[in-house]
């Protein structure tokens, strides 16, 4: 699955176009390399993305068929974002 579609399916972006733009701006990395929107992702890939001044880190667990509900998004990715990064957002 394409990285832009994966990020949309796992609800990191509200639209696929937003995910595509983030990739084009260099805000998304897969396994340490800046990813184009068409970059394929596979289980066990490490993804880093910058959104709203937070550096998210996640590991791909499974590839979803389509956009998933918020309650089951944890089945498809393991979010390893440091707690300090999330607390920084709450302060502002």
C-alpha atoms as a PDB file:
ATOM      1  CA  UNK A   1       0.000   0.000   0.000  1.00  0.00           C
ATOM      2  CA  UNK A   2       1.195   3.553  -0.733  1.00  0.00           C
ATOM      3  CA  UNK A   3       2.420   5.555   2.256  1.00  0.00           C
ATOM      4  CA  UNK A   4      -0.066   8.389   1.650  1.00  0.00           C
ATOM      5  CA  UNK A   5      -2.973   5.951   1.580  1.00  0.00           C
ATOM      6  CA  UNK A   6      -1.686   4.124   4.674  1.00  0.00           C
ATOM      7  CA  UNK A   7      -1.468   7.356   6.683  1.00  0.00           C
ATOM      8  CA  UNK A   8      -5.005   8.263   5.610  1.00  0.00           C
ATOM      9  CA  UNK A   9      -6.334   4.765   6.388  1.00  0.00           C
ATOM     10  CA  UNK A  10      -4.816   4.830   9.884  1.00  0.00           C
ATOM     11  CA  UNK A  11      -6.278   8.288  10.563  1.00  0.00           C
ATOM     12  CA  UNK A  12      -3.126  10.362  10.806  1.00  0.00           C
ATOM     13  CA  UNK A  13      -4.578  12.671   8.139  1.00  0.00           C
ATOM     14  CA  UNK A  14      -8.211  13.550   7.464  1.00  0.00           C
ATOM     15  CA  UNK A  15      -7.798  13.385   3.684  1.00  0.00           C
ATOM     16  CA  UNK A  16      -5.499  11.493   1.393  1.00  0.00           C
ATOM     17  CA  UNK A  17      -4.529  14.791  -0.232  1.00  0.00           C
ATOM     18  CA  UNK A  18      -3.200  16.067   3.111  1.00  0.00           C
ATOM     19  CA  UNK A  19      -1.108  12.906   3.471  1.00  0.00           C
ATOM     20  CA  UNK A  20       0.226  13.350  -0.080  1.00  0.00           C
ATOM     21  CA  UNK A  21       1.179  16.970   0.603  1.00  0.00           C
ATOM     22  CA  UNK A  22       2.984  15.995   3.823  1.00  0.00           C
ATOM     23  CA  UNK A  23       5.045  13.470   1.856  1.00  0.00           C
ATOM     24  CA  UNK A  24       5.875  16.040  -0.826  1.00  0.00           C
ATOM     25  CA  UNK A  25       7.038  18.505   1.846  1.00  0.00           C
ATOM     26  CA  UNK A  26       9.423  15.918   3.306  1.00  0.00           C
ATOM     27  CA  UNK A  27       7.508  15.488   6.574  1.00  0.00           C
ATOM     28  CA  UNK A  28       7.260  11.687   6.241  1.00  0.00           C
ATOM     29  CA  UNK A  29      10.123   9.196   6.499  1.00  0.00           C
ATOM     30  CA  UNK A  30      10.035   5.427   6.038  1.00  0.00           C
ATOM     31  CA  UNK A  31      12.946   3.492   7.542  1.00  0.00           C
ATOM     32  CA  UNK A  32      14.954   6.722   7.877  1.00  0.00           C
ATOM     33  CA  UNK A  33      14.500   7.919   4.288  1.00  0.00           C
ATOM     34  CA  UNK A  34      12.235  10.739   3.122  1.00  0.00           C
ATOM     35  CA  UNK A  35       9.261   9.103   1.402  1.00  0.00           C
ATOM     36  CA  UNK A  36       7.480  10.114  -1.762  1.00  0.00           C
ATOM     37  CA  UNK A  37       3.675   9.667  -1.680  1.00  0.00           C
ATOM     38  CA  UNK A  38       3.933   6.593  -3.897  1.00  0.00           C
ATOM     39  CA  UNK A  39       6.389   4.769  -1.579  1.00  0.00           C
ATOM     40  CA  UNK A  40       5.112   1.306  -0.700  1.00  0.00           C
ATOM     41  CA  UNK A  41       4.933   0.332   2.975  1.00  0.00           C
ATOM     42  CA  UNK A  42       5.074  -3.172   4.393  1.00  0.00           C
ATOM     43  CA  UNK A  43       4.611  -4.703   7.856  1.00  0.00           C
ATOM     44  CA  UNK A  44       7.542  -3.907  10.184  1.00  0.00           C
ATOM     45  CA  UNK A  45       8.405  -0.634   8.381  1.00  0.00           C
ATOM     46  CA  UNK A  46       9.278   2.268  10.696  1.00  0.00           C
ATOM     47  CA  UNK A  47       7.486   5.523   9.878  1.00  0.00           C
ATOM     48  CA  UNK A  48       8.282   8.972  11.254  1.00  0.00           C
ATOM     49  CA  UNK A  49       6.073  11.933  10.481  1.00  0.00           C
ATOM     50  CA  UNK A  50       5.869  15.513  11.641  1.00  0.00           C
ATOM     51  CA  UNK A  51       2.386  16.883  12.154  1.00  0.00           C
ATOM     52  CA  UNK A  52       1.288  19.851  14.290  1.00  0.00           C
ATOM     53  CA  UNK A  53       4.842  20.254  15.660  1.00  0.00           C
ATOM     54  CA  UNK A  54       4.860  16.658  16.947  1.00  0.00           C
ATOM     55  CA  UNK A  55       7.268  14.019  15.647  1.00  0.00           C
ATOM     56  CA  UNK A  56       5.229  10.809  15.521  1.00  0.00           C
ATOM     57  CA  UNK A  57       6.985   7.440  15.359  1.00  0.00           C
ATOM     58  CA  UNK A  58       5.122   4.310  14.407  1.00  0.00           C
ATOM     59  CA  UNK A  59       5.656   0.763  13.233  1.00  0.00           C
ATOM     60  CA  UNK A  60       3.448  -0.827  10.591  1.00  0.00           C
ATOM     61  CA  UNK A  61       1.838  -4.013  11.967  1.00  0.00           C
ATOM     62  CA  UNK A  62      -0.658  -4.818   9.204  1.00  0.00           C
ATOM     63  CA  UNK A  63      -1.895  -3.261   5.989  1.00  0.00           C
ATOM     64  CA  UNK A  64      -5.612  -2.304   6.189  1.00  0.00           C
ATOM     65  CA  UNK A  65      -8.020  -2.969   3.337  1.00  0.00           C
ATOM     66  CA  UNK A  66      -9.455   0.557   3.581  1.00  0.00           C
ATOM     67  CA  UNK A  67      -9.859   3.385   6.108  1.00  0.00           C
ATOM     68  CA  UNK A  68     -10.388   1.918   9.571  1.00  0.00           C
ATOM     69  CA  UNK A  69     -12.417   3.046  12.550  1.00  0.00           C
ATOM     70  CA  UNK A  70     -10.654   4.894  15.354  1.00  0.00           C
ATOM     71  CA  UNK A  71     -11.248   2.048  17.805  1.00  0.00           C
ATOM     72  CA  UNK A  72      -9.377  -0.553  15.747  1.00  0.00           C
ATOM     73  CA  UNK A  73      -6.539   1.567  14.332  1.00  0.00           C
ATOM     74  CA  UNK A  74      -4.204   0.011  16.934  1.00  0.00           C
ATOM     75  CA  UNK A  75      -4.392  -3.311  15.090  1.00  0.00           C
ATOM     76  CA  UNK A  76      -2.605  -1.793  12.100  1.00  0.00           C
ATOM     77  CA  UNK A  77       0.133   0.287  13.729  1.00  0.00           C
ATOM     78  CA  UNK A  78       2.182   0.487  16.910  1.00  0.00           C
ATOM     79  CA  UNK A  79       2.622   4.128  17.957  1.00  0.00           C
ATOM     80  CA  UNK A  80       6.016   4.545  19.674  1.00  0.00           C
ATOM     81  CA  UNK A  81       5.901   8.350  19.902  1.00  0.00           C
ATOM     82  CA  UNK A  82       7.767   9.503  23.045  1.00  0.00           C
ATOM     83  CA  UNK A  83       5.453  10.728  25.812  1.00  0.00           C
ATOM     84  CA  UNK A  84       7.367  14.034  26.048  1.00  0.00           C
ATOM     85  CA  UNK A  85       6.436  14.919  22.464  1.00  0.00           C
ATOM     86  CA  UNK A  86       2.737  14.458  23.177  1.00  0.00           C
ATOM     87  CA  UNK A  87       2.898  16.402  26.451  1.00  0.00           C
ATOM     88  CA  UNK A  88       4.562  19.321  24.661  1.00  0.00           C
ATOM     89  CA  UNK A  89       1.442  19.646  22.479  1.00  0.00           C
ATOM     90  CA  UNK A  90      -0.876  19.679  25.524  1.00  0.00           C
ATOM     91  CA  UNK A  91       1.036  22.559  27.121  1.00  0.00           C
ATOM     92  CA  UNK A  92       0.512  24.881  24.168  1.00  0.00           C
END
